[in-house]
Amino acid sequence: MKIKKTSLLGFALAACISLMSFSCSPNSTAEDDSLYEQNIDILKIKVPANGIDILKVKVPKNG
């Protein structure tokens, strides 16, 4: 019976430590969002006079 109590105590202690370490992590979503908020100058985008042929557009496999 003593082994079960110590293993339960160890599990509870590990659970408390892990919850405390994850809950105290810094919130950096504002820094992460700034990576995606890049301004694109639409005047620098060159489009052919006759438009864009959708059949010739190449999309990467992973994108």
Protein backbone atom coordinates (compact mmCIF):
# COMPACT_ATOMS: atom_id res chain seq x y z
CA MET A 1 0.00 0.00 0.00
CA LYS A 2 2.90 2.34 0.67
CA ILE A 3 4.17 2.02 -2.90
CA LYS A 4 0.82 3.20 -4.27
CA LYS A 5 0.79 6.26 -2.01
CA THR A 6 4.31 7.31 -3.02
CA SER A 7 3.62 6.77 -6.72
CA LEU A 8 0.40 8.77 -6.42
CA LEU A 9 2.28 11.52 -4.61
CA GLY A 10 4.99 11.52 -7.27
CA PHE A 11 2.41 11.68 -10.04
CA ALA A 12 0.60 14.55 -8.32
CA LEU A 13 3.87 16.42 -7.83
CA ALA A 14 4.85 15.94 -11.49
CA ALA A 15 1.40 17.10 -12.61
CA CYS A 16 1.63 20.25 -10.47
CA ILE A 17 5.10 21.09 -11.74
CA SER A 18 4.13 20.59 -15.37
CA LEU A 19 0.96 22.69 -15.02
CA MET A 20 2.88 25.48 -13.35
CA SER A 21 5.62 25.49 -15.98
CA PHE A 22 3.15 25.60 -18.90
CA SER A 23 0.89 28.21 -17.36
CA CYS A 24 3.79 30.58 -16.68
CA SER A 25 5.10 30.58 -20.23
CA PRO A 26 5.18 34.05 -21.81
CA ASN A 27 2.40 35.00 -24.19
CA SER A 28 4.09 36.09 -27.40
CA THR A 29 1.17 36.07 -29.83
CA ALA A 30 1.71 39.76 -30.63
CA GLU A 31 5.27 38.98 -31.70
CA ASP A 32 4.10 36.00 -33.74
CA ASP A 33 1.38 38.04 -35.47
CA SER A 34 3.87 40.67 -36.55
CA LEU A 35 5.58 38.06 -38.73
CA TYR A 36 2.45 37.78 -40.88
CA GLU A 37 1.55 41.46 -41.02
CA GLN A 38 3.86 42.54 -43.81
CA ASN A 39 2.86 45.42 -46.05
CA ILE A 40 2.87 44.74 -49.77
CA ASP A 41 3.13 47.65 -52.17
CA ILE A 42 0.56 46.82 -54.84
CA LEU A 43 2.13 49.36 -57.19
CA LYS A 44 5.20 47.13 -57.47
CA ILE A 45 3.21 44.10 -58.64
CA LYS A 46 3.47 43.77 -62.42
CA VAL A 47 0.44 42.35 -64.22
CA PRO A 48 0.47 41.74 -67.99
CA ALA A 49 -1.79 44.00 -70.08
CA ASN A 50 -3.82 41.04 -71.34
CA GLY A 51 -4.42 39.71 -67.80
CA ILE A 52 -3.24 36.57 -66.05
CA ASP A 53 -3.83 33.14 -67.57
CA ILE A 54 -4.92 30.98 -64.64
CA LEU A 55 -3.81 27.80 -66.41
CA LYS A 56 -0.20 29.00 -66.39
CA VAL A 57 -0.07 29.83 -62.68
CA LYS A 58 2.27 27.44 -60.86
CA VAL A 59 1.53 26.69 -57.21
CA PRO A 60 4.20 24.95 -55.11
CA LYS A 61 3.31 21.48 -53.84
CA ASN A 62 3.73 22.47 -50.20
CA GLY A 63 1.92 25.79 -50.47
